[in-house]
Amino acid sequence: MVKLVPRHFLLVAGLMGALGVAAAAAASHGDSRNLGALSTMFLAHAPVLLVLGLVGRGRLIAGAGLVLGAGTIVFGADLALREYVGQGLFSGAAPLGGGLMLLGWLSIAVAGLVGQRKA
C-alpha cells in the first residue's frame, strides 16, 4: 500500500495545482477573498505533495503527505463551497483543515529530525 502513495501524491498535486491556477484566475476577475485564499493554499501545498510523491520515502513522510493533502483538500473545499454555495463544507471544516495542514508540516519536520538521527 505504501508504494502506491507516491502516485496518489502526484495525482493530488496535479489537481491542486490546476485548481489553484483556476481559482487565481477566477479571483482576478472579482474581489473574492475565498478564491484568493484557495489559490494560495493549493499553490503552496501542491509543490510539496509533488516533491513527496517524487522523492519522499518512509511511512512518516507518507503519513505527513496524507495529512497535509487531506487538510488542504478540506480547507479548500470549505472555501470553494463558501464562495459558490454560500455555506461551508461543515461546521469547523476550515479549522480542521488548517489544523491538519499544520500537523502535516510538523510531521515533515519530525521526519527530518528522525532522518538525521539515523544517518
Protein backbone atom coordinates (compact mmCIF):
# COMPACT_ATOMS: atom_id res chain seq x y z
CA MET A 1 0.00 0.00 0.00
CA VAL A 2 2.79 2.45 0.83
CA LYS A 3 4.24 2.03 -2.68
CA LEU A 4 1.03 3.42 -4.20
CA VAL A 5 1.13 6.58 -2.09
CA PRO A 6 3.68 8.48 -4.24
CA ARG A 7 1.43 8.14 -7.31
CA HIS A 8 -1.51 9.40 -5.28
CA PHE A 9 0.54 12.40 -4.17
CA LEU A 10 1.31 13.19 -7.82
CA LEU A 11 -2.37 12.96 -8.73
CA VAL A 12 -3.45 15.21 -5.86
CA ALA A 13 -0.60 17.66 -6.54
CA GLY A 14 -1.60 17.96 -10.18
CA LEU A 15 -5.25 18.51 -9.37
CA MET A 16 -4.42 21.01 -6.62
CA GLY A 17 -2.09 22.90 -8.93
CA ALA A 18 -4.69 23.11 -11.68
CA LEU A 19 -7.46 24.14 -9.28
CA GLY A 20 -5.14 26.67 -7.67
CA VAL A 21 -4.46 28.32 -11.03
CA ALA A 22 -8.18 28.26 -11.89
CA ALA A 23 -9.05 29.84 -8.52
CA ALA A 24 -6.42 32.53 -9.05
CA ALA A 25 -7.87 33.32 -12.48
CA ALA A 26 -11.41 33.45 -11.09
CA ALA A 27 -10.31 35.63 -8.19
CA SER A 28 -8.63 38.09 -10.56
CA HIS A 29 -11.99 38.75 -12.24
CA GLY A 30 -13.67 39.71 -9.00
CA ASP A 31 -12.97 40.53 -5.41
CA SER A 32 -13.07 37.12 -3.74
CA ARG A 33 -11.13 36.50 -0.56
CA ASN A 34 -12.24 32.87 -0.63
CA LEU A 35 -10.86 32.16 -4.10
CA GLY A 36 -7.68 34.09 -3.36
CA ALA A 37 -7.11 32.05 -0.21
CA LEU A 38 -8.00 28.81 -2.01
CA SER A 39 -5.48 29.61 -4.74
CA THR A 40 -2.77 30.42 -2.20
CA MET A 41 -3.34 27.23 -0.20
CA PHE A 42 -3.46 24.94 -3.22
CA LEU A 43 -0.49 26.51 -5.00
CA ALA A 44 1.56 26.45 -1.77
CA HIS A 45 0.87 22.80 -0.95
CA ALA A 46 0.76 21.23 -4.42
CA PRO A 47 4.56 21.52 -4.92
CA VAL A 48 5.16 19.90 -1.53
CA LEU A 49 2.99 16.93 -2.46
CA LEU A 50 4.75 16.77 -5.83
CA VAL A 51 8.15 16.52 -4.12
CA LEU A 52 6.88 13.96 -1.60
CA GLY A 53 5.46 11.92 -4.47
CA LEU A 54 8.73 12.02 -6.40
CA VAL A 55 11.34 11.58 -3.68
CA GLY A 56 9.56 11.04 -0.37
CA ARG A 57 10.39 7.75 1.35
CA GLY A 58 9.18 6.12 4.51
CA ARG A 59 5.99 5.81 6.48
CA LEU A 60 6.38 9.06 8.38
CA ILE A 61 6.73 11.08 5.18
CA ALA A 62 3.82 9.16 3.62
CA GLY A 63 1.67 9.91 6.65
CA ALA A 64 2.73 13.55 6.64
CA GLY A 65 1.78 13.85 2.98
CA LEU A 66 -1.58 12.21 3.54
CA VAL A 67 -2.40 14.53 6.45
CA LEU A 68 -1.14 17.60 4.59
CA GLY A 69 -3.11 16.69 1.47
CA ALA A 70 -6.29 15.88 3.39
CA GLY A 71 -6.09 19.12 5.35
CA THR A 72 -5.56 21.17 2.21
CA ILE A 73 -8.48 19.49 0.46
CA VAL A 74 -10.84 20.01 3.42
CA PHE A 75 -9.77 23.64 3.79
CA GLY A 76 -10.03 24.30 0.05
CA ALA A 77 -13.40 22.58 -0.28
CA ASP A 78 -14.76 24.70 2.56
CA LEU A 79 -13.56 27.90 0.85
CA ALA A 80 -14.95 26.84 -2.55
CA LEU A 81 -18.35 25.97 -1.10
CA ARG A 82 -18.48 29.26 0.79
CA GLU A 83 -17.78 31.06 -2.48
CA TYR A 84 -20.15 29.20 -4.77
CA VAL A 85 -22.87 27.80 -2.48
CA GLY A 86 -22.88 30.34 0.32
CA GLN A 87 -22.09 27.91 3.13
CA GLY A 88 -19.09 25.87 4.17
CA LEU A 89 -18.40 22.16 3.94
CA PHE A 90 -19.43 21.55 7.58
CA SER A 91 -19.13 23.42 10.84
CA GLY A 92 -15.48 23.62 11.80
CA ALA A 93 -14.14 22.45 8.42
CA ALA A 94 -11.73 25.36 7.99
CA PRO A 95 -10.09 24.99 11.41
CA LEU A 96 -9.95 21.20 10.97
CA GLY A 97 -8.31 21.57 7.56
CA GLY A 98 -5.90 24.19 8.88
CA GLY A 99 -5.01 22.00 11.86
CA LEU A 100 -4.35 19.04 9.59
CA MET A 101 -2.10 21.18 7.39
CA LEU A 102 -0.15 22.28 10.47
CA LEU A 103 0.14 18.68 11.62
CA GLY A 104 1.34 17.63 8.18
CA TRP A 105 4.06 20.30 8.14
CA LEU A 106 5.17 19.40 11.67
CA SER A 107 5.30 15.74 10.67
CA ILE A 108 7.61 16.65 7.79
CA ALA A 109 9.83 18.47 10.31
CA VAL A 110 9.84 15.43 12.60
CA ALA A 111 10.75 13.21 9.63
CA GLY A 112 13.73 15.48 9.05
CA LEU A 113 14.86 15.08 12.63
CA VAL A 114 14.38 11.33 12.63
CA GLY A 115 16.23 11.02 9.34
CA GLN A 116 19.22 12.95 10.73
CA ARG A 117 19.48 10.71 13.78
CA LYS A 118 19.65 7.56 11.66
CA ALA A 119 22.43 8.89 9.44
